[in-house]
Amino acid sequence: MSDLRAEAEALDGKDELAAKREEFVLDETVYLDGNSLGALPANVPGRLAEVMTHEWGRLRIRSWSESGWWTAPERIGDRIAPLVGAAPGQIVVGDSTSVNVFKALVAAVRIARDPGNPSGGRDEIVVDATTFPTDGYIAESAARLTGCRLIPVAPGDVPGVLGDRTAAVLLNHADYRTGRLHDLPGLTAAVHAAGAPVVWDLCHTAGALPVGLDEHGVDLAVGCTYKYLNGGPGSPAYLYVREALQPRFDSPLPGWNSHAEPFGMRAEFEAADGALRGRVGTPDILSMLALEASLDAWDGVSIDAVRAKSLALTDFFLRCVGAYVPTGRVESLTPAAHAERGSQVALRCEGAGDVMRRLIEQGVVGDFRAPDVLRFGFTPLYVSFGDAERAARILARTLA
């Protein structure tokens, strides 16, 4: 046995999160794609069977009240809240990340502008130029809708373009290609100093590391739930609205679910109080309740312990890659500094698409981003140090 394999066994032996692995449906595959789709929590199939046969099958329409379907968006939001550093009453679950980005960004512009002069003054939206494409598309549409000019810049350059014309800023907490972690506290403070609200996309960080939304005064945030939160394919996203801003949150998508009297069926819209303003239409109950069940895996888990294991896993994987992979075959794009690292490792590699295909054939599942990036996501709740060592060993064998 190699020294690194022995070290992996020792690290797994003292891993305080190791028992969590049994709460997921796993096999002999080394699954390092939780940054795209988290593994299935073992309790979810049983919970969905109960929803289908009893709540929908027998109670039917009564389940909206008797089974708590109607209040699921805010109830599940309160379960996500501690994972992103938020107090209860500020997160509502529903719709997709893209829809929530649109709601948050347009609402941010409306918050920034003087109600007495809504079309003047602040007319610039700043967006992360390296963002996931959909966020960029939504930002461009929101700019057209609100009469703003769109300013795409790298996150590190944001402070230099802020000013009294800034209406809103949309940023990613982590770069989806490289996993580079951006400075949420510092950038939030810079945007606030310019008198504007900021919207953060947490898709690649929630459930992998502490976010601290309340602590750092974040205005609005969105995120998906099917990556590190393991909610399942297409599980509903969430929207965070800081409590102090909730009375001013003016959604561009008002729906009957966000009405103060949803069953009053009045022609005039009156926004509900609190984060409920972020709701739109009928909740997607089946996927929402699957997400709720998946969050049971977080019972008794400290997000700080998750972050500590994430950093240890990615450090160890990079050491194994350095020891096993032939010199010059891969280049790490992952920041060495822990303060700048999310929970994935990105390796630049010639022929990356074909390399990932061959890795998957050998039981190591990551993913590929054009043109030449191998991505490996490390979900601390179920990825082991043995997984990390085995993945690096098979990568080396593949590249050799």
Protein backbone atom coordinates (compact mmCIF):
# COMPACT_ATOMS: atom_id res chain seq x y z
CA MET A 1 0.00 0.00 0.00
CA SER A 2 1.31 3.47 -0.89
CA ASP A 3 1.91 6.07 1.80
CA LEU A 4 -0.94 8.21 0.44
CA ARG A 5 -3.41 5.31 0.53
CA ALA A 6 -2.43 4.62 4.12
CA GLU A 7 -2.80 8.30 4.94
CA ALA A 8 -6.26 8.33 3.37
CA GLU A 9 -7.32 5.42 5.57
CA ALA A 10 -6.03 7.23 8.66
CA LEU A 11 -7.83 10.45 7.73
CA ASP A 12 -11.07 8.59 7.11
CA GLY A 13 -10.68 6.88 10.45
CA LYS A 14 -10.77 10.16 12.35
CA ASP A 15 -13.28 11.98 10.11
CA GLU A 16 -16.13 13.27 12.31
CA LEU A 17 -18.47 13.38 9.29
CA ALA A 18 -17.69 9.84 8.10
CA ALA A 19 -20.95 8.38 9.43
CA LYS A 20 -22.94 10.74 7.20
CA ARG A 21 -21.83 8.74 4.18
CA GLU A 22 -24.26 5.98 5.21
CA GLU A 23 -27.17 8.39 4.79
CA PHE A 24 -26.68 8.52 1.00
CA VAL A 25 -27.27 6.06 -1.83
CA LEU A 26 -23.75 5.33 -3.07
CA ASP A 27 -21.89 2.52 -4.78
CA GLU A 28 -18.29 1.75 -5.70
CA THR A 29 -18.12 4.80 -7.96
CA VAL A 30 -16.01 7.72 -6.78
CA TYR A 31 -18.62 10.44 -7.15
CA LEU A 32 -17.00 13.87 -7.49
CA ASP A 33 -19.78 15.69 -9.31
CA GLY A 34 -21.79 16.90 -6.34
CA ASN A 35 -21.11 20.44 -7.53
CA SER A 36 -23.51 19.64 -10.40
CA LEU A 37 -25.90 17.11 -8.81
CA GLY A 38 -25.69 15.88 -5.26
CA ALA A 39 -26.09 12.20 -4.39
CA LEU A 40 -29.48 10.83 -3.33
CA PRO A 41 -30.11 10.90 0.44
CA ALA A 42 -31.33 7.46 1.45
CA ASN A 43 -34.48 8.72 3.21
CA VAL A 44 -35.90 10.57 0.21
CA PRO A 45 -37.50 7.63 -1.68
CA GLY A 46 -39.51 6.62 1.39
CA ARG A 47 -40.64 10.17 2.02
CA LEU A 48 -41.72 10.61 -1.60
CA ALA A 49 -43.62 7.32 -1.46
CA GLU A 50 -45.50 8.64 1.57
CA VAL A 51 -46.28 11.91 -0.22
CA MET A 52 -47.51 10.05 -3.31
CA THR A 53 -49.58 7.33 -1.64
CA HIS A 54 -50.94 9.08 1.46
CA GLU A 55 -50.79 12.84 1.05
CA TRP A 56 -51.64 13.03 -2.65
CA GLY A 57 -53.23 9.58 -2.98
CA ARG A 58 -55.56 9.66 0.04
CA LEU A 59 -55.75 13.15 1.50
CA ARG A 60 -55.59 14.79 -1.91
CA ILE A 61 -56.58 18.49 -1.73
CA ARG A 62 -56.65 18.36 2.08
CA SER A 63 -52.85 18.04 2.10
CA TRP A 64 -52.47 21.73 1.32
CA SER A 65 -53.49 22.37 4.92
CA GLU A 66 -53.32 19.04 6.75
CA SER A 67 -49.90 18.03 5.39
CA GLY A 68 -48.44 21.54 5.39
CA TRP A 69 -48.01 21.85 1.64
CA TRP A 70 -49.04 25.50 1.60
CA THR A 71 -46.37 26.62 4.08
CA ALA A 72 -43.58 24.46 2.62
CA PRO A 73 -41.74 27.32 0.81
CA GLU A 74 -41.07 29.30 3.99
CA ARG A 75 -40.74 26.24 6.26
CA ILE A 76 -38.02 24.73 4.06
CA GLY A 77 -36.46 28.18 3.69
CA ASP A 78 -36.02 28.29 7.45
CA ARG A 79 -34.21 24.93 7.30
CA ILE A 80 -31.80 26.25 4.67
CA ALA A 81 -31.25 29.49 6.58
CA PRO A 82 -28.65 28.24 9.11
CA LEU A 83 -26.62 26.69 6.29
CA VAL A 84 -26.13 30.14 4.74
CA GLY A 85 -25.96 32.14 7.96
CA ALA A 86 -29.46 33.61 7.98
CA ALA A 87 -32.05 34.02 10.71
CA PRO A 88 -35.53 32.56 10.12
CA GLY A 89 -38.10 34.44 8.07
CA GLN A 90 -35.76 35.61 5.31
CA ILE A 91 -35.69 32.72 2.83
CA VAL A 92 -38.46 31.40 0.64
CA VAL A 93 -38.07 28.28 -1.53
CA GLY A 94 -39.51 27.99 -5.02
CA ASP A 95 -38.92 28.55 -8.74
CA SER A 96 -35.53 28.11 -10.41
CA THR A 97 -32.29 29.94 -9.71
CA SER A 98 -32.72 31.89 -12.95
CA VAL A 99 -36.20 33.09 -12.00
CA ASN A 100 -35.01 34.09 -8.54
CA VAL A 101 -32.02 35.96 -9.99
CA PHE A 102 -34.46 37.94 -12.12
CA LYS A 103 -36.74 38.71 -9.18
CA ALA A 104 -33.83 39.71 -6.95
CA LEU A 105 -32.01 41.87 -9.49
CA VAL A 106 -35.02 43.86 -10.66
CA ALA A 107 -36.15 44.31 -7.06
CA ALA A 108 -32.64 45.50 -6.14
CA VAL A 109 -32.78 48.21 -8.81
CA ARG A 110 -36.18 49.32 -7.51
CA ILE A 111 -34.83 49.42 -3.95
CA ALA A 112 -31.86 51.55 -5.02
CA ARG A 113 -33.85 54.18 -6.84
CA ASP A 114 -35.57 57.18 -5.28
CA PRO A 115 -39.30 56.41 -5.30
CA GLY A 116 -39.92 60.01 -6.32
CA ASN A 117 -37.72 59.67 -9.41
CA PRO A 118 -37.87 55.97 -10.36
CA SER A 119 -36.49 56.40 -13.88
CA GLY A 120 -33.53 58.60 -13.02
CA GLY A 121 -30.40 58.64 -10.93
CA ARG A 122 -29.08 55.11 -10.62
CA ASP A 123 -28.98 53.51 -14.05
CA GLU A 124 -26.12 50.99 -14.04
CA ILE A 125 -26.18 47.28 -13.19
CA VAL A 126 -22.77 45.74 -12.49
CA VAL A 127 -22.47 42.02 -13.19
CA ASP A 128 -19.70 39.45 -12.74
CA ALA A 129 -18.17 39.11 -16.21
CA THR A 130 -17.10 35.54 -15.42
CA THR A 131 -20.57 34.50 -14.25
CA PHE A 132 -22.46 31.38 -15.20
CA PRO A 133 -24.06 32.26 -18.56
CA THR A 134 -27.67 32.29 -17.34
CA ASP A 135 -26.91 34.95 -14.73
CA GLY A 136 -25.44 37.09 -17.48
CA TYR A 137 -28.48 36.60 -19.71
CA ILE A 138 -30.82 37.50 -16.85
CA ALA A 139 -28.76 40.56 -15.96
CA GLU A 140 -28.92 41.79 -19.55
CA SER A 141 -32.69 41.34 -19.62
CA ALA A 142 -33.10 43.06 -16.25
CA ALA A 143 -31.02 45.99 -17.51
CA ARG A 144 -33.28 46.40 -20.55
CA LEU A 145 -36.39 46.15 -18.41
CA THR A 146 -35.22 48.78 -15.93
CA GLY A 147 -33.55 51.11 -18.42
CA CYS A 148 -30.06 50.44 -17.05
CA ARG A 149 -26.69 50.06 -18.69
CA LEU A 150 -25.00 46.73 -18.01
CA ILE A 151 -21.38 46.81 -16.83
CA PRO A 152 -19.67 43.38 -16.86
CA VAL A 153 -16.42 43.28 -14.87
CA ALA A 154 -14.34 40.68 -13.05
CA PRO A 155 -15.31 40.48 -9.35
CA GLY A 156 -11.97 41.89 -8.22
CA ASP A 157 -12.55 44.98 -10.36
CA VAL A 158 -16.03 45.74 -9.05
CA PRO A 159 -15.00 48.45 -6.53
CA GLY A 160 -13.44 50.48 -9.34
CA VAL A 161 -16.69 50.81 -11.31
CA LEU A 162 -19.05 51.61 -8.44
CA GLY A 163 -20.51 55.06 -7.99
CA ASP A 164 -23.64 57.13 -7.56
CA ARG A 165 -25.09 55.67 -10.77
CA THR A 166 -24.83 52.06 -9.55
CA ALA A 167 -28.31 50.60 -9.17
CA ALA A 168 -27.43 46.99 -8.31
CA VAL A 169 -24.60 44.48 -8.42
CA LEU A 170 -24.92 40.74 -9.21
CA LEU A 171 -22.04 38.50 -8.17
CA ASN A 172 -21.22 34.81 -7.80
CA HIS A 173 -19.79 33.64 -4.50
CA ALA A 174 -17.63 31.11 -6.36
CA ASP A 175 -16.52 30.81 -9.97
CA TYR A 176 -18.28 27.80 -11.46
CA ARG A 177 -15.27 26.83 -13.61
CA THR A 178 -12.42 27.06 -11.13
CA GLY A 179 -14.14 27.10 -7.75
CA ARG A 180 -12.39 30.38 -6.89
CA LEU A 181 -14.12 31.96 -3.90
CA HIS A 182 -14.84 35.67 -4.18
CA ASP A 183 -14.69 38.15 -1.29
CA LEU A 184 -18.34 38.32 -0.21
CA PRO A 185 -17.75 40.48 2.90
CA GLY A 186 -15.41 42.95 1.18
CA LEU A 187 -17.41 43.30 -2.02
CA THR A 188 -20.69 43.64 -0.13
CA ALA A 189 -19.19 46.47 1.92
CA ALA A 190 -17.88 48.19 -1.23
CA VAL A 191 -21.30 48.04 -2.92
CA HIS A 192 -22.98 49.41 0.20
CA ALA A 193 -20.46 52.25 0.37
CA ALA A 194 -21.65 53.23 -3.10
CA GLY A 195 -25.25 53.25 -1.86
CA ALA A 196 -26.44 50.23 -3.84
CA PRO A 197 -27.75 46.75 -2.98
CA VAL A 198 -25.94 43.56 -3.93
CA VAL A 199 -27.32 40.20 -5.08
CA TRP A 200 -25.19 37.09 -4.48
CA ASP A 201 -25.50 33.78 -6.33
CA LEU A 202 -24.66 31.01 -3.83
CA CYS A 203 -25.14 27.98 -6.09
CA HIS A 204 -21.56 26.76 -5.70
CA THR A 205 -21.08 27.52 -2.00
CA ALA A 206 -24.27 26.88 -0.01
CA GLY A 207 -23.82 23.60 1.83
CA ALA A 208 -20.06 23.57 1.27
CA LEU A 209 -18.86 26.45 3.44
CA PRO A 210 -20.09 29.21 5.78
CA VAL A 211 -21.67 32.11 3.88
CA GLY A 212 -22.72 34.53 6.63
CA LEU A 213 -25.55 36.39 4.88
CA ASP A 214 -26.78 38.17 8.00
CA GLU A 215 -23.32 38.72 9.44
CA HIS A 216 -22.09 40.49 6.32
CA GLY A 217 -25.25 42.47 5.62
CA VAL A 218 -26.04 40.85 2.27
CA ASP A 219 -29.16 42.37 0.73
CA LEU A 220 -30.44 39.60 -1.54
CA ALA A 221 -29.19 36.14 -2.42
CA VAL A 222 -30.28 33.19 -4.52
CA GLY A 223 -29.13 29.63 -4.85
CA CYS A 224 -29.97 26.20 -6.16
CA THR A 225 -30.53 23.19 -3.93
CA TYR A 226 -29.47 20.28 -6.12
CA LYS A 227 -25.71 20.61 -5.67
CA TYR A 228 -24.25 20.53 -2.16
CA LEU A 229 -27.74 20.52 -0.61
CA ASN A 230 -28.59 17.25 -2.44
CA GLY A 231 -32.20 18.19 -3.20
CA GLY A 232 -32.44 16.23 -6.45
CA PRO A 233 -32.46 17.11 -10.16
CA GLY A 234 -34.27 20.39 -10.74
CA SER A 235 -35.15 20.81 -7.07
CA PRO A 236 -36.50 24.30 -6.34
CA ALA A 237 -34.14 27.18 -5.69
CA TYR A 238 -34.40 29.74 -2.89
CA LEU A 239 -34.48 33.50 -2.47
CA TYR A 240 -33.08 35.39 0.52
CA VAL A 241 -34.35 38.89 1.30
CA ARG A 242 -32.73 40.66 4.24
CA GLU A 243 -35.35 41.42 6.86
CA ALA A 244 -34.77 45.18 6.82
CA LEU A 245 -35.38 45.28 3.06
CA GLN A 246 -38.50 43.12 2.97
CA PRO A 247 -40.98 46.04 3.13
CA ARG A 248 -39.26 47.52 0.04
CA PHE A 249 -38.93 44.27 -1.91
CA ASP A 250 -41.01 44.90 -5.04
CA SER A 251 -41.00 41.71 -7.08
CA PRO A 252 -41.27 42.00 -10.86
CA LEU A 253 -43.21 38.70 -10.76
CA PRO A 254 -46.11 39.24 -8.37
CA GLY A 255 -48.35 36.20 -8.19
CA TRP A 256 -51.29 35.00 -6.20
CA ASN A 257 -48.96 33.22 -3.77
CA SER A 258 -47.23 36.50 -2.92
CA HIS A 259 -50.52 38.32 -2.32
CA ALA A 260 -51.42 39.43 1.18
CA GLU A 261 -54.72 37.54 0.74
CA PRO A 262 -53.96 34.78 -1.78
CA PHE A 263 -57.45 33.30 -1.53
CA GLY A 264 -59.19 36.67 -1.64
CA MET A 265 -58.93 36.61 -5.43
CA ARG A 266 -58.87 40.41 -5.59
CA ALA A 267 -58.02 42.13 -8.85
CA GLU A 268 -55.66 44.56 -7.12
CA PHE A 269 -52.29 43.25 -5.96
CA GLU A 270 -51.24 43.79 -2.36
CA ALA A 271 -47.89 42.30 -1.43
CA ALA A 272 -47.66 39.92 1.51
CA ASP A 273 -45.42 40.74 4.42
CA GLY A 274 -41.89 39.43 4.70
CA ALA A 275 -40.06 36.98 2.47
CA LEU A 276 -43.40 35.67 1.19
CA ARG A 277 -43.19 38.49 -1.33
CA GLY A 278 -40.72 36.26 -3.16
CA ARG A 279 -43.35 33.61 -3.89
CA VAL A 280 -45.11 33.62 -7.25
CA GLY A 281 -47.35 30.68 -8.15
CA THR A 282 -48.32 27.27 -6.84
CA PRO A 283 -45.33 25.52 -5.19
CA ASP A 284 -43.82 22.48 -6.94
CA ILE A 285 -44.73 20.21 -4.07
CA LEU A 286 -43.19 16.88 -5.09
CA SER A 287 -39.69 18.23 -5.64
CA MET A 288 -40.04 20.62 -2.72
CA LEU A 289 -40.85 17.84 -0.26
CA ALA A 290 -38.02 15.72 -1.65
CA LEU A 291 -35.73 18.66 -0.87
CA GLU A 292 -37.15 18.94 2.63
CA ALA A 293 -36.41 15.27 3.28
CA SER A 294 -32.89 15.64 1.88
CA LEU A 295 -32.16 18.37 4.41
CA ASP A 296 -32.47 15.77 7.19
CA ALA A 297 -28.89 14.83 6.31
CA TRP A 298 -27.83 18.13 7.85
CA ASP A 299 -29.24 17.34 11.28
CA GLY A 300 -26.47 17.70 13.82
CA VAL A 301 -23.93 18.89 11.24
CA SER A 302 -21.83 22.01 11.74
CA ILE A 303 -21.15 23.99 8.57
CA ASP A 304 -17.74 24.83 10.04
CA ALA A 305 -16.94 21.11 10.23
CA VAL A 306 -18.07 20.76 6.62
CA ARG A 307 -15.75 23.57 5.58
CA ALA A 308 -12.81 22.07 7.48
CA LYS A 309 -13.28 18.72 5.76
CA SER A 310 -13.77 20.36 2.36
CA LEU A 311 -10.42 22.11 2.62
CA ALA A 312 -8.72 18.98 3.92
CA LEU A 313 -10.17 16.90 1.06
CA THR A 314 -9.16 19.34 -1.67
CA ASP A 315 -5.69 19.79 -0.16
CA PHE A 316 -5.22 16.02 -0.02
CA PHE A 317 -6.50 15.47 -3.56
CA LEU A 318 -4.11 18.11 -4.91
CA ARG A 319 -1.23 16.42 -3.05
CA CYS A 320 -2.18 13.07 -4.57
CA VAL A 321 -2.42 14.60 -8.04
CA GLY A 322 1.01 16.13 -7.57
CA ALA A 323 2.45 12.81 -6.44
CA TYR A 324 0.79 10.54 -9.02
CA VAL A 325 0.18 12.49 -12.22
CA PRO A 326 3.07 12.79 -14.69
CA THR A 327 4.69 16.24 -14.60
CA GLY A 328 3.21 18.75 -17.00
CA ARG A 329 0.02 16.80 -17.79
CA VAL A 330 -2.32 18.93 -15.67
CA GLU A 331 -2.32 22.46 -14.28
CA SER A 332 -4.35 23.29 -11.17
CA LEU A 333 -6.66 26.28 -11.53
CA THR A 334 -7.76 25.92 -7.93
CA PRO A 335 -6.47 28.67 -5.63
CA ALA A 336 -3.88 27.45 -3.16
CA ALA A 337 -5.12 29.91 -0.51
CA HIS A 338 -7.98 28.50 1.52
CA ALA A 339 -9.67 31.91 1.71
CA GLU A 340 -10.03 31.86 -2.08
CA ARG A 341 -11.11 28.23 -2.53
CA GLY A 342 -14.58 26.77 -2.78
CA SER A 343 -15.20 23.01 -2.61
CA GLN A 344 -14.02 21.89 -6.01
CA VAL A 345 -10.73 21.29 -7.79
CA ALA A 346 -10.32 22.39 -11.39
CA LEU A 347 -7.48 20.99 -13.46
CA ARG A 348 -6.55 22.26 -16.91
CA CYS A 349 -5.75 19.31 -19.12
CA GLU A 350 -5.23 18.77 -22.84
CA GLY A 351 -8.10 16.72 -24.24
CA ALA A 352 -10.07 17.19 -21.03
CA GLY A 353 -13.36 16.04 -22.52
CA ASP A 354 -11.93 12.70 -23.59
CA VAL A 355 -10.01 12.32 -20.31
CA MET A 356 -13.21 12.79 -18.29
CA ARG A 357 -15.03 10.27 -20.47
CA ARG A 358 -12.33 7.69 -19.75
CA LEU A 359 -12.35 8.52 -16.02
CA ILE A 360 -16.09 7.92 -15.89
CA GLU A 361 -15.61 4.56 -17.62
CA GLN A 362 -13.23 3.64 -14.79
CA GLY A 363 -15.61 4.69 -12.02
CA VAL A 364 -14.46 8.24 -11.28
CA VAL A 365 -17.24 10.73 -12.02
CA GLY A 366 -16.39 14.40 -12.32
CA ASP A 367 -17.26 16.72 -15.17
CA PHE A 368 -15.74 18.78 -17.95
CA ARG A 369 -16.01 22.44 -18.91
CA ALA A 370 -14.92 23.61 -22.34
CA PRO A 371 -12.38 23.93 -23.57
CA ASP A 372 -9.94 22.14 -21.27
CA VAL A 373 -11.06 22.00 -17.62
CA LEU A 374 -11.64 18.88 -15.51
CA ARG A 375 -13.86 19.67 -12.51
CA PHE A 376 -14.00 17.58 -9.35
CA GLY A 377 -16.55 18.55 -6.71
CA PHE A 378 -15.98 17.47 -3.11
CA THR A 379 -19.15 17.08 -1.04
CA PRO A 380 -17.91 16.60 2.53
CA LEU A 381 -21.01 14.78 3.74
CA TYR A 382 -20.26 11.73 1.61
CA VAL A 383 -16.86 12.03 -0.13
CA SER A 384 -14.02 10.26 1.67
CA PHE A 385 -10.27 10.73 1.64
CA GLY A 386 -10.08 7.27 0.12
CA ASP A 387 -12.22 8.56 -2.74
CA ALA A 388 -9.81 11.45 -3.26
CA GLU A 389 -6.75 9.19 -3.36
CA ARG A 390 -8.38 6.68 -5.70
CA ALA A 391 -9.52 9.43 -8.08
CA ALA A 392 -6.02 10.89 -8.32
CA ARG A 393 -4.52 7.43 -8.85
CA ILE A 394 -6.93 6.61 -11.69
CA LEU A 395 -6.40 10.05 -13.22
CA ALA A 396 -2.67 9.41 -13.26
CA ARG A 397 -3.16 6.00 -14.83
CA THR A 398 -5.44 7.50 -17.47
CA LEU A 399 -2.98 10.25 -18.38
CA ALA A 400 -0.05 7.86 -18.45
